[in-house]
N, C-alpha and C. Protein backbone atom coordinates (compact mmCIF):
# COMPACT_ATOMS: atom_id res chain seq x y z
N MET A 1 -30.59 -32.39 35.88
CA MET A 1 -29.50 -33.32 36.05
C MET A 1 -28.50 -33.22 34.89
N ALA A 2 -28.99 -32.95 33.70
CA ALA A 2 -28.11 -32.85 32.55
C ALA A 2 -27.17 -31.65 32.68
N ASP A 3 -27.68 -30.55 33.27
CA ASP A 3 -26.85 -29.38 33.44
C ASP A 3 -25.71 -29.64 34.43
N PHE A 4 -25.99 -30.44 35.47
CA PHE A 4 -24.95 -30.78 36.44
C PHE A 4 -23.82 -31.53 35.76
N TRP A 5 -24.14 -32.54 34.99
CA TRP A 5 -23.10 -33.32 34.34
C TRP A 5 -22.40 -32.51 33.26
N GLY A 6 -23.13 -31.61 32.61
CA GLY A 6 -22.49 -30.76 31.61
C GLY A 6 -21.46 -29.83 32.24
N SER A 7 -21.78 -29.26 33.38
CA SER A 7 -20.83 -28.38 34.04
C SER A 7 -19.64 -29.16 34.58
N ASP A 8 -19.86 -30.40 35.01
CA ASP A 8 -18.76 -31.24 35.48
C ASP A 8 -17.81 -31.57 34.33
N ARG A 9 -18.37 -31.89 33.19
CA ARG A 9 -17.52 -32.17 32.02
C ARG A 9 -16.76 -30.93 31.59
N ARG A 10 -17.42 -29.79 31.65
CA ARG A 10 -16.77 -28.53 31.27
C ARG A 10 -15.61 -28.23 32.21
N ALA A 11 -15.81 -28.40 33.51
CA ALA A 11 -14.74 -28.16 34.47
C ALA A 11 -13.60 -29.16 34.28
N ARG A 12 -13.94 -30.40 34.00
CA ARG A 12 -12.90 -31.41 33.76
C ARG A 12 -12.10 -31.08 32.51
N ARG A 13 -12.79 -30.60 31.47
CA ARG A 13 -12.10 -30.23 30.23
C ARG A 13 -11.18 -29.04 30.46
N ILE A 14 -11.65 -28.06 31.22
CA ILE A 14 -10.81 -26.90 31.53
C ILE A 14 -9.58 -27.33 32.32
N THR A 15 -9.77 -28.24 33.28
CA THR A 15 -8.65 -28.74 34.07
C THR A 15 -7.63 -29.45 33.18
N HIS A 16 -8.10 -30.29 32.29
CA HIS A 16 -7.18 -31.02 31.41
C HIS A 16 -6.45 -30.07 30.46
N VAL A 17 -7.17 -29.11 29.90
CA VAL A 17 -6.53 -28.16 28.98
C VAL A 17 -5.46 -27.35 29.70
N LEU A 18 -5.77 -26.86 30.90
CA LEU A 18 -4.78 -26.10 31.66
C LEU A 18 -3.57 -26.94 32.03
N ALA A 19 -3.81 -28.18 32.44
CA ALA A 19 -2.69 -29.05 32.84
C ALA A 19 -1.81 -29.40 31.64
N VAL A 20 -2.42 -29.74 30.52
CA VAL A 20 -1.63 -30.10 29.34
C VAL A 20 -0.86 -28.89 28.81
N ALA A 21 -1.52 -27.73 28.78
CA ALA A 21 -0.83 -26.52 28.33
C ALA A 21 0.33 -26.17 29.27
N GLY A 22 0.11 -26.33 30.57
CA GLY A 22 1.17 -26.06 31.52
C GLY A 22 2.36 -26.97 31.36
N VAL A 23 2.10 -28.25 31.21
CA VAL A 23 3.19 -29.22 31.04
C VAL A 23 3.94 -28.96 29.74
N CYS A 24 3.21 -28.64 28.67
CA CYS A 24 3.86 -28.35 27.39
C CYS A 24 4.74 -27.11 27.49
N LEU A 25 4.25 -26.08 28.17
CA LEU A 25 5.06 -24.88 28.32
C LEU A 25 6.27 -25.11 29.22
N ILE A 26 6.12 -25.93 30.24
CA ILE A 26 7.26 -26.26 31.09
C ILE A 26 8.33 -27.00 30.28
N ALA A 27 7.90 -27.95 29.46
CA ALA A 27 8.86 -28.69 28.63
C ALA A 27 9.50 -27.78 27.59
N LEU A 28 8.71 -26.91 26.98
CA LEU A 28 9.25 -25.98 25.98
C LEU A 28 10.23 -25.02 26.62
N GLY A 29 9.87 -24.50 27.78
CA GLY A 29 10.78 -23.59 28.47
C GLY A 29 12.08 -24.27 28.89
N GLY A 30 11.97 -25.55 29.28
CA GLY A 30 13.18 -26.28 29.62
C GLY A 30 14.06 -26.55 28.42
N ALA A 31 13.43 -26.81 27.28
CA ALA A 31 14.20 -27.08 26.06
C ALA A 31 14.86 -25.82 25.53
N VAL A 32 14.15 -24.71 25.61
CA VAL A 32 14.68 -23.45 25.09
C VAL A 32 15.58 -22.76 26.11
N GLY A 33 15.34 -23.02 27.37
CA GLY A 33 16.11 -22.39 28.43
C GLY A 33 15.54 -21.06 28.86
N SER A 34 14.25 -20.90 28.65
CA SER A 34 13.59 -19.65 29.00
C SER A 34 12.85 -19.81 30.32
N LEU A 35 13.29 -19.08 31.31
CA LEU A 35 12.71 -19.21 32.64
C LEU A 35 11.29 -18.68 32.72
N TRP A 36 10.98 -17.62 31.98
CA TRP A 36 9.64 -17.06 32.07
C TRP A 36 8.61 -17.98 31.43
N VAL A 37 8.99 -18.76 30.41
CA VAL A 37 8.06 -19.73 29.81
C VAL A 37 7.80 -20.86 30.81
N ILE A 38 8.82 -21.27 31.51
CA ILE A 38 8.63 -22.28 32.57
C ILE A 38 7.70 -21.72 33.64
N GLY A 39 7.88 -20.46 34.00
CA GLY A 39 7.03 -19.83 35.02
C GLY A 39 5.56 -19.78 34.60
N VAL A 40 5.31 -19.43 33.35
CA VAL A 40 3.93 -19.41 32.85
C VAL A 40 3.34 -20.82 32.88
N GLY A 41 4.13 -21.81 32.49
CA GLY A 41 3.66 -23.19 32.53
C GLY A 41 3.35 -23.66 33.94
N VAL A 42 4.17 -23.27 34.88
CA VAL A 42 3.92 -23.64 36.28
C VAL A 42 2.63 -23.00 36.78
N TRP A 43 2.41 -21.73 36.44
CA TRP A 43 1.18 -21.06 36.87
C TRP A 43 -0.06 -21.69 36.23
N LEU A 44 0.04 -22.11 34.98
CA LEU A 44 -1.08 -22.80 34.35
C LEU A 44 -1.36 -24.13 35.05
N PHE A 45 -0.31 -24.85 35.41
CA PHE A 45 -0.49 -26.12 36.10
C PHE A 45 -1.08 -25.90 37.50
N ILE A 46 -0.65 -24.86 38.18
CA ILE A 46 -1.22 -24.53 39.49
C ILE A 46 -2.70 -24.20 39.34
N ALA A 47 -3.05 -23.46 38.30
CA ALA A 47 -4.46 -23.13 38.06
C ALA A 47 -5.27 -24.39 37.81
N ALA A 48 -4.70 -25.35 37.08
CA ALA A 48 -5.41 -26.61 36.83
C ALA A 48 -5.65 -27.37 38.14
N VAL A 49 -4.67 -27.39 39.00
CA VAL A 49 -4.82 -28.07 40.29
C VAL A 49 -5.88 -27.37 41.14
N LEU A 50 -5.88 -26.05 41.14
CA LEU A 50 -6.87 -25.31 41.92
C LEU A 50 -8.29 -25.52 41.40
N VAL A 51 -8.46 -25.52 40.08
CA VAL A 51 -9.77 -25.77 39.51
C VAL A 51 -10.24 -27.17 39.88
N ASP A 52 -9.32 -28.14 39.85
CA ASP A 52 -9.68 -29.49 40.21
C ASP A 52 -10.06 -29.61 41.69
N LEU A 53 -9.33 -28.91 42.55
CA LEU A 53 -9.65 -28.94 43.99
C LEU A 53 -10.99 -28.28 44.28
N ILE A 54 -11.29 -27.18 43.60
CA ILE A 54 -12.54 -26.47 43.82
C ILE A 54 -13.70 -27.25 43.24
N ARG A 55 -13.48 -27.93 42.13
CA ARG A 55 -14.56 -28.65 41.44
C ARG A 55 -15.03 -29.85 42.24
N ARG A 56 -14.14 -30.50 42.94
CA ARG A 56 -14.52 -31.70 43.69
C ARG A 56 -15.40 -31.32 44.88
N PRO A 57 -16.43 -32.13 45.12
CA PRO A 57 -17.33 -31.82 46.25
C PRO A 57 -16.68 -32.10 47.60
């Protein structure tokens, strides 16, 4: 049972890290005016959403 909750916390942490990194890159790209930085941020945010969708039972 401990391994189940550990993997759930790990997946939640990965989701949060990806989402926060994506939002930060989107904001940075918007401030700098760099489209490719915004694109990388969007892809990180999409990855966070996908991990969250797959993680949920």
